Amino acid sequence: MLILNIEDDSVRITRVNGKRVVSAIEVKLEAGWVQNGVVIDKDSVSQQIISLLSANNIRETEAIACVSGVHSIYRVVYVPKLERGLLAEAAGKEMERVSPVPLETLYTSWQDVKISSIESALCLLGLPHENVDSVMETLTLSGLRLKSLELKPLAIDRVVDEQTAVVVNVQANGFDISVLDSGIPELMRSLTFAQADMSEPDKISTINDEIVRTVNFYNSSHTDRQLDKNAKCFLSGDLSDGLARVIPYSVKPLPSSLVYPAGIDERRFAANTGMALKGMGGAAKLMKVNIDVMPRLAATKQTTMSSKLPFYALAIASVIFIATYVLYNSMFAQNTSLQMLINEKTQQVVDTQKAVKEQGDKAAQLRDQYQKTLNALKAPLDYLAQERAYINRDWGDLIAPLPGFIYLTSVHDDGKTITIQGMAPNGDTALDYARNLRENGNYQLVTVSSIITISYNQTQFQINLTPQR
């Protein structure tokens, strides 16, 4: 099994036989050849891959690869148990709702994960065309045939041995953060560093801040499944040792799922390991999401037999008419046999019409069943849509007046009361923010329940709001 991971600064290739990594090799790339996971200079990168495979005597031509998560869209939506067709329709509509760009510019994929007998999780994924196309075209130029293609953060999530955890992968120009909840990536963020020449301490500080911010956001929307300081955190890629010393969570080493050659830092090949586990089929059971993002051809149109039956009936009727006319004028003596032929053809028409009617009746029954199902689901779906609209409005109301020097640490919305907590430079600033929320007009009551001075320029506050519903 040949596995490739194209990073901004290098190409990492592994060749796996069973659970043993036969080769784990890496070649550096010139700056600018790959930017944020998009291969800009496909010819140069493909030549590096060809040279690397040749130098290591690797002749395999079928490969597995991954693409960057930068600018990708990943969402998890929980829906009632639905038939496959309705799930596909729900996934399409939800992807259209959450996407900030036209769906025509994305390759979209989805997977449903059964949560219970009455609920499923829809995992939605949208990738910019250039993320996918640039990698596929580069591998084609390298003489390789792509077997499957996966999102890099999902591949790395598959390596960990905890169903609920924080997973961080650091690359040269950015990093990925995933929050796993019961084997499902609930949150996934792929971020780039603000500056290309940022120092390692600044990178570590930035990553640490984003990890804390991501976990706080997750906790604000999952009040029944909080991640505390004992939450397991897995680190891969660059800067793992430096990050392990500063992040406020329990760092756990990546498990050794494959046997690498001595002296290889497995953390740099975590994406390759995750793709290998997927390629083995069933090797990793904790991770429940396995989405292949390689574009597929649409299925061809199908013509059902029932749609052709009326035309057959018309053709038979035409044959009867012509045959009758000819035989009547030229073979009057054979009237008895002609009448038998007419009766036979007429019976064929009757049988055909009966078959058409039976198909129509079945179609009408299926339509009525689908309509009943839709009617049963309409009320809960309408309720969910209304609650989603309220939540979107409330989030907009909370974020719009928020100045740059105030940040929120938690938001809890139980449908009747919204409780927000945050940090401000001083108490007056927090009161000004509460005053702006009160003047918004969408809240019956806005109450500042606490203001606590933590230090000279840090004040913790809590505001309770009763929204208009």
Protein backbone atom coordinates (compact mmCIF):
# COMPACT_ATOMS: atom_id res chain seq x y z
CA MET A 1 0.00 0.00 0.00
CA LEU A 2 1.52 3.33 -1.15
CA ILE A 3 0.46 6.42 0.83
CA LEU A 4 1.29 10.09 0.11
CA ASN A 5 0.86 13.27 2.14
CA ILE A 6 1.77 16.51 0.33
CA GLU A 7 2.58 19.23 2.87
CA ASP A 8 3.48 22.87 2.14
CA ASP A 9 7.17 22.16 2.78
CA SER A 10 7.58 18.44 2.00
CA VAL A 11 6.16 15.23 0.58
CA ARG A 12 5.87 12.31 3.02
CA ILE A 13 5.54 8.83 1.55
CA THR A 14 5.02 5.50 3.30
CA ARG A 15 4.83 2.01 1.88
CA VAL A 16 2.91 -0.36 4.13
CA ASN A 17 2.72 -4.14 4.14
CA GLY A 18 0.16 -5.33 6.66
CA LYS A 19 0.94 -3.42 9.84
CA ARG A 20 4.60 -2.97 8.98
CA VAL A 21 5.85 0.25 7.39
CA VAL A 22 8.40 -0.91 4.80
CA SER A 23 9.45 2.64 3.84
CA ALA A 24 8.88 6.04 5.49
CA ILE A 25 10.57 8.74 3.41
CA GLU A 26 10.32 12.50 3.12
CA VAL A 27 11.61 15.06 0.61
CA LYS A 28 11.69 18.83 1.11
CA LEU A 29 9.89 21.15 -1.33
CA GLU A 30 10.87 24.64 -2.43
CA ALA A 31 8.92 27.52 -0.88
CA GLY A 32 5.88 28.44 -2.98
CA TRP A 33 5.47 25.09 -4.72
CA VAL A 34 2.60 24.25 -2.35
CA GLN A 35 0.57 26.93 -0.55
CA ASN A 36 -2.03 26.08 2.13
CA GLY A 37 -2.32 22.56 0.75
CA VAL A 38 -2.85 23.67 -2.88
CA VAL A 39 -0.14 22.46 -5.28
CA ILE A 40 0.90 25.53 -7.28
CA ASP A 41 3.86 24.06 -9.23
CA LYS A 42 2.51 20.61 -10.16
CA ASP A 43 5.38 19.77 -12.51
CA SER A 44 8.10 20.39 -9.92
CA VAL A 45 6.27 18.53 -7.13
CA SER A 46 5.50 15.56 -9.40
CA GLN A 47 9.18 15.36 -10.45
CA GLN A 48 10.19 15.28 -6.77
CA ILE A 49 7.75 12.42 -6.18
CA ILE A 50 9.04 10.50 -9.22
CA SER A 51 12.64 10.95 -8.09
CA LEU A 52 11.83 9.89 -4.53
CA LEU A 53 10.02 6.73 -5.66
CA SER A 54 12.81 5.84 -8.09
CA ALA A 55 15.59 6.44 -5.53
CA ASN A 56 13.86 4.11 -3.07
CA ASN A 57 13.05 1.44 -5.69
CA ILE A 58 9.28 1.82 -5.21
CA ARG A 59 7.37 0.57 -8.28
CA GLU A 60 3.80 0.65 -7.00
CA THR A 61 1.47 2.82 -9.09
CA GLU A 62 -1.74 2.71 -7.03
CA ALA A 63 -1.78 5.21 -4.16
CA ILE A 64 -3.83 6.67 -1.32
CA ALA A 65 -3.50 10.40 -0.58
CA CYS A 66 -5.01 13.21 1.49
CA VAL A 67 -5.85 16.88 0.98
CA SER A 68 -5.51 19.89 3.26
CA GLY A 69 -8.42 21.06 5.40
CA VAL A 70 -7.68 24.78 4.79
CA HIS A 71 -10.82 26.59 3.55
CA SER A 72 -12.83 23.37 3.95
CA ILE A 73 -16.33 23.32 5.45
CA TYR A 74 -17.17 20.62 8.00
CA ARG A 75 -20.40 20.46 9.99
CA VAL A 76 -22.25 17.83 12.06
CA VAL A 77 -26.06 18.01 12.09
CA TYR A 78 -28.32 15.74 14.14
CA VAL A 79 -31.56 14.63 12.46
CA PRO A 80 -34.36 12.14 13.17
CA LYS A 81 -34.02 8.69 11.61
CA LEU A 82 -34.82 9.04 7.91
CA GLU A 83 -34.80 6.89 4.78
CA ARG A 84 -31.67 7.11 2.61
CA GLY A 85 -33.31 9.34 0.02
CA LEU A 86 -34.55 11.80 2.62
CA LEU A 87 -31.12 11.79 4.30
CA ALA A 88 -29.49 12.78 1.00
CA GLU A 89 -32.01 15.58 0.53
CA ALA A 90 -31.47 16.81 4.11
CA ALA A 91 -27.67 16.71 3.65
CA GLY A 92 -27.89 18.75 0.45
CA LYS A 93 -30.14 21.41 1.96
CA GLU A 94 -28.05 21.68 5.14
CA MET A 95 -24.81 21.93 3.14
CA GLU A 96 -26.34 24.73 1.07
CA ARG A 97 -27.39 26.52 4.26
CA VAL A 98 -24.01 26.42 6.04
CA SER A 99 -21.77 27.02 3.02
CA PRO A 100 -20.47 30.63 2.77
CA VAL A 101 -19.57 30.06 -0.90
CA PRO A 102 -21.60 28.69 -3.87
CA LEU A 103 -21.82 24.90 -3.80
CA GLU A 104 -20.66 24.87 -7.44
CA THR A 105 -17.16 25.78 -6.19
CA LEU A 106 -17.02 22.82 -3.77
CA TYR A 107 -16.76 19.05 -3.89
CA THR A 108 -19.35 17.99 -1.30
CA SER A 109 -19.55 14.69 0.58
CA TRP A 110 -21.53 13.42 3.55
CA GLN A 111 -21.89 10.42 5.82
CA ASP A 112 -24.62 9.49 8.26
CA VAL A 113 -23.67 7.92 11.61
CA LYS A 114 -26.33 6.13 13.63
CA ILE A 115 -26.63 7.64 17.10
CA SER A 116 -29.69 5.72 18.33
CA SER A 117 -32.76 4.01 16.93
CA ILE A 118 -34.39 7.41 16.35
CA GLU A 119 -31.47 9.75 15.60
CA SER A 120 -28.54 10.02 13.17
CA ALA A 121 -25.61 12.40 12.83
CA LEU A 122 -25.06 13.89 9.37
CA CYS A 123 -21.37 14.69 8.84
CA LEU A 124 -21.12 17.22 5.99
CA LEU A 125 -17.91 18.11 4.15
CA GLY A 126 -17.20 20.66 1.42
CA LEU A 127 -13.77 21.10 -0.20
CA PRO A 128 -12.70 23.80 -2.69
CA HIS A 129 -12.07 22.39 -6.15
CA GLU A 130 -8.45 23.57 -6.20
CA ASN A 131 -7.61 21.68 -2.97
CA VAL A 132 -8.69 18.40 -4.56
CA ASP A 133 -7.85 18.96 -8.24
CA SER A 134 -4.27 20.15 -7.62
CA VAL A 135 -3.39 17.01 -5.64
CA MET A 136 -5.09 14.64 -8.12
CA GLU A 137 -3.39 16.29 -11.12
CA THR A 138 0.02 16.17 -9.40
CA LEU A 139 -0.29 12.45 -8.67
CA THR A 140 -1.38 11.81 -12.27
CA LEU A 141 1.73 13.64 -13.52
CA SER A 142 3.74 11.42 -11.15
CA GLY A 143 2.43 8.32 -12.93
CA LEU A 144 0.28 7.25 -9.97
CA ARG A 145 -3.34 6.11 -10.01
CA LEU A 146 -5.34 7.42 -7.07
CA LYS A 147 -7.29 4.75 -5.20
CA SER A 148 -8.86 7.03 -2.57
CA LEU A 149 -8.56 10.58 -1.26
CA GLU A 150 -9.23 11.76 2.29
CA LEU A 151 -9.30 14.97 4.31
CA LYS A 152 -6.05 15.15 6.31
CA PRO A 153 -7.59 16.03 9.74
CA LEU A 154 -10.00 13.06 9.44
CA ALA A 155 -7.09 10.73 8.66
CA ILE A 156 -5.17 11.92 11.74
CA ASP A 157 -8.28 11.59 13.95
CA ARG A 158 -8.39 7.89 13.04
CA VAL A 159 -5.01 7.27 14.71
CA VAL A 160 -6.03 8.17 18.28
CA ASP A 161 -7.23 5.54 20.73
CA GLU A 162 -9.86 7.66 22.53
CA GLN A 163 -13.43 8.26 21.34
CA THR A 164 -13.55 11.68 23.02
CA ALA A 165 -10.43 13.82 22.72
CA VAL A 166 -8.74 16.89 21.26
CA VAL A 167 -6.47 16.18 18.27
CA VAL A 168 -3.91 18.73 17.04
CA ASN A 169 -1.69 18.45 13.97
CA VAL A 170 0.90 21.18 13.26
CA GLN A 171 2.37 21.83 9.80
CA ALA A 172 4.91 24.35 8.55
CA ASN A 173 2.35 27.06 7.68
CA GLY A 174 -0.67 26.14 9.79
CA PHE A 175 -2.38 23.63 12.05
CA ASP A 176 -5.56 21.52 12.44
CA ILE A 177 -7.68 21.13 15.59
CA SER A 178 -10.38 18.47 15.96
CA VAL A 179 -12.68 17.76 18.90
CA LEU A 180 -13.86 14.13 18.90
CA ASP A 181 -17.09 13.26 20.70
CA SER A 182 -17.99 9.55 20.89
CA GLY A 183 -15.95 8.79 17.79
CA ILE A 184 -17.38 11.66 15.71
CA PRO A 185 -15.37 14.81 14.94
CA GLU A 186 -17.81 17.44 16.26
CA LEU A 187 -15.55 20.44 15.57
CA MET A 188 -12.79 20.74 12.98
CA ARG A 189 -10.68 23.85 12.32
CA SER A 190 -7.80 24.23 9.85
CA LEU A 191 -5.92 27.49 10.41
CA THR A 192 -2.86 29.18 8.91
CA PHE A 193 -0.25 31.21 10.78
CA ALA A 194 -0.59 34.98 10.49
CA GLN A 195 3.01 35.33 9.28
CA ALA A 196 5.18 32.94 7.30
CA ASP A 197 8.28 33.78 9.37
CA MET A 198 6.62 33.49 12.80
CA SER A 199 8.98 32.20 15.50
CA GLU A 200 8.39 28.84 17.20
CA PRO A 201 7.42 30.39 20.58
CA ASP A 202 4.88 32.63 18.82
CA LYS A 203 3.50 29.65 16.90
CA ILE A 204 3.16 27.62 20.11
CA SER A 205 1.38 30.52 21.84
CA THR A 206 -1.00 30.96 18.90
CA ILE A 207 -1.83 27.25 18.74
CA ASN A 208 -2.38 27.04 22.50
CA ASP A 209 -4.79 30.02 22.40
CA GLU A 210 -6.76 28.45 19.56
CA ILE A 211 -6.96 25.08 21.34
CA VAL A 212 -8.42 26.74 24.46
CA ARG A 213 -10.80 28.82 22.33
CA THR A 214 -11.97 25.74 20.41
CA VAL A 215 -12.59 23.70 23.58
CA ASN A 216 -14.48 26.61 25.19
CA PHE A 217 -16.68 26.91 22.12
CA TYR A 218 -17.35 23.17 22.17
CA ASN A 219 -18.24 23.27 25.89
CA SER A 220 -20.62 26.22 25.37
CA SER A 221 -22.74 24.11 22.99
CA HIS A 222 -22.35 20.74 24.77
CA THR A 223 -23.32 21.44 28.36
CA ASP A 224 -23.97 17.74 29.03
CA ARG A 225 -20.57 16.58 27.67
CA GLN A 226 -17.96 19.04 28.93
CA LEU A 227 -14.21 18.73 28.28
CA ASP A 228 -12.27 19.62 31.44
CA LYS A 229 -8.54 19.86 32.19
CA ASN A 230 -8.34 16.05 32.22
CA ALA A 231 -9.46 15.83 28.59
CA LYS A 232 -7.05 13.78 26.48
CA CYS A 233 -5.09 15.74 23.87
CA PHE A 234 -3.08 14.11 21.04
CA LEU A 235 -0.31 16.02 19.24
CA SER A 236 1.19 15.25 15.82
CA GLY A 237 3.35 16.95 13.22
CA ASP A 238 5.75 19.75 14.20
CA LEU A 239 6.29 21.45 17.59
CA SER A 240 4.71 18.57 19.53
CA ASP A 241 7.24 18.67 22.36
CA GLY A 242 6.93 22.45 22.86
CA LEU A 243 3.14 22.33 22.79
CA ALA A 244 3.02 19.48 25.31
CA ARG A 245 4.67 21.76 27.89
CA VAL A 246 2.10 24.58 27.68
CA ILE A 247 -1.37 23.30 26.75
CA PRO A 248 -3.73 23.01 29.75
CA TYR A 249 -4.97 19.50 28.94
CA SER A 250 -3.74 15.95 29.50
CA VAL A 251 -1.35 15.16 26.64
CA LYS A 252 -1.40 11.52 25.56
CA PRO A 253 1.12 10.06 23.07
CA LEU A 254 -0.17 8.82 19.73
CA PRO A 255 -0.57 5.03 19.82
CA SER A 256 1.82 2.97 17.69
CA SER A 257 -0.74 1.46 15.31
CA LEU A 258 1.92 0.51 12.75
CA VAL A 259 5.51 -0.70 13.11
CA TYR A 260 7.79 2.02 11.70
CA PRO A 261 11.52 1.62 10.93
CA ALA A 262 13.83 2.64 13.75
CA GLY A 263 14.63 6.33 14.03
CA ILE A 264 11.40 7.56 12.33
CA ASP A 265 9.34 10.21 14.16
CA GLU A 266 5.86 8.69 13.78
CA ARG A 267 4.22 12.00 14.70
CA ARG A 268 5.33 13.49 11.36
CA PHE A 269 3.70 10.59 9.53
CA ALA A 270 0.41 10.60 11.49
CA ALA A 271 -1.69 11.38 8.39
CA ASN A 272 -0.04 8.47 6.51
CA THR A 273 -0.80 6.17 9.45
CA GLY A 274 -4.46 7.20 9.49
CA MET A 275 -4.85 6.59 5.75
CA ALA A 276 -3.17 3.18 6.11
CA LEU A 277 -5.62 2.19 8.87
CA LYS A 278 -8.52 3.11 6.61
CA GLY A 279 -6.99 1.17 3.73
CA MET A 280 -6.75 -1.95 5.91
CA GLY A 281 -10.54 -1.94 6.32
CA GLY A 282 -11.91 -2.12 9.85
CA ALA A 283 -8.51 -1.68 11.47
CA ALA A 284 -9.63 1.44 13.33
CA LYS A 285 -13.04 1.10 14.97
CA LEU A 286 -13.09 4.10 17.33
CA MET A 287 -13.38 6.63 14.49
CA LYS A 288 -16.85 6.49 12.93
CA VAL A 289 -16.40 8.93 10.04
CA ASN A 290 -14.76 7.65 6.82
CA ILE A 291 -15.46 10.04 3.95
CA ASP A 292 -13.72 9.56 0.59
CA VAL A 293 -13.49 13.03 -1.00
CA MET A 294 -12.39 11.87 -4.47
CA PRO A 295 -14.96 13.17 -7.01
CA ARG A 296 -17.14 10.47 -8.50
CA LEU A 297 -19.10 10.36 -11.79
CA ALA A 298 -22.82 10.83 -11.41
CA ALA A 299 -24.97 7.79 -12.00
CA THR A 300 -26.59 7.52 -15.44
CA LYS A 301 -30.29 7.98 -15.85
CA GLN A 302 -32.44 4.91 -15.58
CA THR A 303 -35.63 4.21 -17.51
CA THR A 304 -38.23 2.08 -15.74
CA MET A 305 -40.31 -0.55 -17.45
CA SER A 306 -43.51 1.10 -16.30
CA SER A 307 -42.68 4.27 -18.25
CA LYS A 308 -42.41 2.20 -21.49
CA LEU A 309 -45.62 0.21 -21.14
CA PRO A 310 -47.99 2.84 -22.63
CA PHE A 311 -45.80 3.01 -25.75
CA TYR A 312 -45.88 -0.77 -26.10
CA ALA A 313 -49.66 -0.69 -25.86
CA LEU A 314 -49.87 1.98 -28.57
CA ALA A 315 -47.53 0.04 -30.84
CA ILE A 316 -49.57 -3.15 -30.42
CA ALA A 317 -52.80 -1.32 -31.14
CA SER A 318 -51.29 0.13 -34.32
CA VAL A 319 -50.19 -3.33 -35.48
CA ILE A 320 -53.70 -4.65 -34.88
CA PHE A 321 -55.28 -1.91 -36.96
CA ILE A 322 -52.92 -2.34 -39.92
CA ALA A 323 -53.09 -6.11 -39.83
CA THR A 324 -56.88 -6.03 -39.71
CA TYR A 325 -57.13 -3.65 -42.68
CA VAL A 326 -54.80 -5.70 -44.88
CA LEU A 327 -56.28 -9.06 -43.98
CA TYR A 328 -59.85 -7.84 -44.39
CA ASN A 329 -59.25 -6.67 -47.98
CA SER A 330 -56.99 -9.46 -49.19
CA MET A 331 -58.01 -12.53 -47.20
CA PHE A 332 -61.77 -12.29 -46.60
CA ALA A 333 -61.96 -16.07 -46.73
CA GLN A 334 -59.85 -16.37 -43.64
CA ASN A 335 -62.18 -14.24 -41.51
CA THR A 336 -62.35 -16.81 -38.72
CA SER A 337 -58.60 -16.99 -38.20
CA LEU A 338 -58.36 -13.21 -38.52
CA GLN A 339 -60.94 -12.78 -35.77
CA MET A 340 -58.90 -15.07 -33.56
CA LEU A 341 -55.80 -12.96 -34.22
CA ILE A 342 -57.71 -9.77 -33.38
CA ASN A 343 -58.97 -11.28 -30.13
CA GLU A 344 -55.42 -12.34 -29.19
CA LYS A 345 -53.96 -8.91 -29.88
CA THR A 346 -56.83 -7.22 -28.07
CA GLN A 347 -56.16 -9.37 -25.02
CA GLN A 348 -52.50 -8.29 -25.16
CA VAL A 349 -53.63 -4.66 -25.09
CA VAL A 350 -55.92 -5.37 -22.13
CA ASP A 351 -53.12 -7.14 -20.27
CA THR A 352 -50.73 -4.30 -20.99
CA GLN A 353 -53.23 -1.71 -19.78
CA LYS A 354 -53.78 -3.75 -16.63
CA ALA A 355 -50.03 -3.87 -15.99
CA VAL A 356 -49.79 -0.12 -16.49
CA LYS A 357 -52.65 0.45 -14.04
CA GLU A 358 -51.04 -1.82 -11.43
CA GLN A 359 -47.76 0.09 -11.74
CA GLY A 360 -49.66 3.35 -11.38
CA ASP A 361 -51.48 2.09 -8.26
CA LYS A 362 -48.18 1.01 -6.67
CA ALA A 363 -46.64 4.38 -7.45
CA ALA A 364 -49.63 6.14 -5.89
CA GLN A 365 -49.35 4.00 -2.73
CA LEU A 366 -45.64 4.81 -2.41
CA ARG A 367 -46.39 8.49 -2.93
CA ASP A 368 -49.03 8.41 -0.18
CA GLN A 369 -46.59 6.63 2.19
CA TYR A 370 -43.89 9.23 1.51
CA GLN A 371 -46.41 12.03 2.04
CA LYS A 372 -47.42 10.57 5.42
CA THR A 373 -43.77 10.33 6.41
CA LEU A 374 -43.15 13.92 5.37
CA ASN A 375 -46.24 15.11 7.25
CA ALA A 376 -45.07 13.30 10.39
CA LEU A 377 -41.65 14.92 10.16
CA LYS A 378 -42.85 18.40 9.27
CA ALA A 379 -43.67 19.55 12.80
CA PRO A 380 -40.32 18.57 14.41
CA LEU A 381 -38.40 19.89 11.40
CA ASP A 382 -40.29 23.18 11.50
CA TYR A 383 -39.57 23.43 15.21
CA LEU A 384 -35.88 22.76 14.65
CA ALA A 385 -35.79 25.34 11.87
CA GLN A 386 -37.46 27.93 14.10
CA GLU A 387 -35.05 27.22 16.98
CA ARG A 388 -32.11 27.38 14.60
CA ALA A 389 -33.31 30.77 13.35
CA TYR A 390 -33.60 32.05 16.94
CA ILE A 391 -30.10 30.77 17.78
CA ASN A 392 -28.60 32.33 14.65
CA ARG A 393 -30.29 35.63 15.48
CA ASP A 394 -29.10 35.52 19.09
CA TRP A 395 -25.54 34.72 18.04
CA GLY A 396 -25.58 37.64 15.64
CA ASP A 397 -26.93 39.94 18.36
CA LEU A 398 -24.20 38.81 20.79
CA ILE A 399 -21.29 39.03 18.36
CA ALA A 400 -22.24 42.23 16.43
CA PRO A 401 -21.75 44.73 19.32
CA LEU A 402 -18.72 42.84 20.72
CA PRO A 403 -15.63 45.11 20.66
CA GLY A 404 -12.23 43.66 19.83
CA PHE A 405 -10.93 43.94 23.39
CA ILE A 406 -13.76 41.87 24.91
CA TYR A 407 -13.97 38.13 24.31
CA LEU A 408 -16.59 35.61 25.43
CA THR A 409 -15.50 32.49 27.29
CA SER A 410 -18.86 30.69 27.33
CA VAL A 411 -22.41 31.00 26.01
CA HIS A 412 -25.27 28.89 27.37
CA ASP A 413 -28.74 29.00 25.77
CA ASP A 414 -31.48 26.79 27.24
CA GLY A 415 -34.20 28.28 25.03
CA LYS A 416 -35.50 30.63 27.74
CA THR A 417 -32.40 32.31 29.13
CA ILE A 418 -29.01 33.06 27.56
CA THR A 419 -26.07 33.24 29.96
CA ILE A 420 -22.83 34.68 28.63
CA GLN A 421 -19.49 34.95 30.39
CA GLY A 422 -16.46 36.83 29.17
CA MET A 423 -13.40 38.91 29.91
CA ALA A 424 -13.11 42.70 29.52
CA PRO A 425 -10.39 45.28 30.30
CA ASN A 426 -12.59 46.83 33.00
CA GLY A 427 -16.10 46.92 34.43
CA ASP A 428 -17.21 49.99 32.46
CA THR A 429 -16.47 48.23 29.19
CA ALA A 430 -18.54 45.23 30.26
CA LEU A 431 -21.43 47.53 31.27
CA ASP A 432 -21.26 49.31 27.91
CA TYR A 433 -21.51 45.93 26.17
CA ALA A 434 -24.55 45.00 28.31
CA ARG A 435 -26.14 48.38 27.51
CA ASN A 436 -25.72 47.76 23.79
CA LEU A 437 -27.41 44.36 24.14
CA ARG A 438 -30.30 45.97 26.06
CA GLU A 439 -30.79 48.54 23.29
CA ASN A 440 -30.94 45.80 20.66
CA GLY A 441 -34.67 45.25 21.29
CA ASN A 442 -34.63 41.45 20.94
CA TYR A 443 -34.36 40.84 24.70
CA GLN A 444 -37.08 41.26 27.33
CA LEU A 445 -34.51 41.50 30.10
CA VAL A 446 -30.72 42.07 30.21
CA THR A 447 -29.09 41.66 33.64
CA VAL A 448 -25.44 41.97 34.63
CA SER A 449 -25.22 39.28 37.29
CA SER A 450 -21.54 39.65 38.16
CA ILE A 451 -18.45 41.76 37.51
CA ILE A 452 -15.22 40.53 39.09
CA THR A 453 -11.86 42.25 38.73
CA ILE A 454 -9.21 39.59 38.15
CA SER A 455 -6.22 41.88 37.60
CA TYR A 456 -5.36 45.41 36.52
CA ASN A 457 -6.74 44.99 32.98
CA GLN A 458 -8.80 41.82 33.32
CA THR A 459 -12.38 41.84 34.52
CA GLN A 460 -14.62 38.78 34.43
CA PHE A 461 -18.33 39.38 33.83
CA GLN A 462 -21.59 37.46 33.46
CA ILE A 463 -24.71 38.72 31.71
CA ASN A 464 -28.13 37.03 31.72
CA LEU A 465 -30.55 37.70 28.86
CA THR A 466 -34.21 36.77 28.34
CA PRO A 467 -34.78 36.71 24.55
CA GLN A 468 -37.99 37.61 22.73
CA ARG A 469 -39.41 34.35 21.31
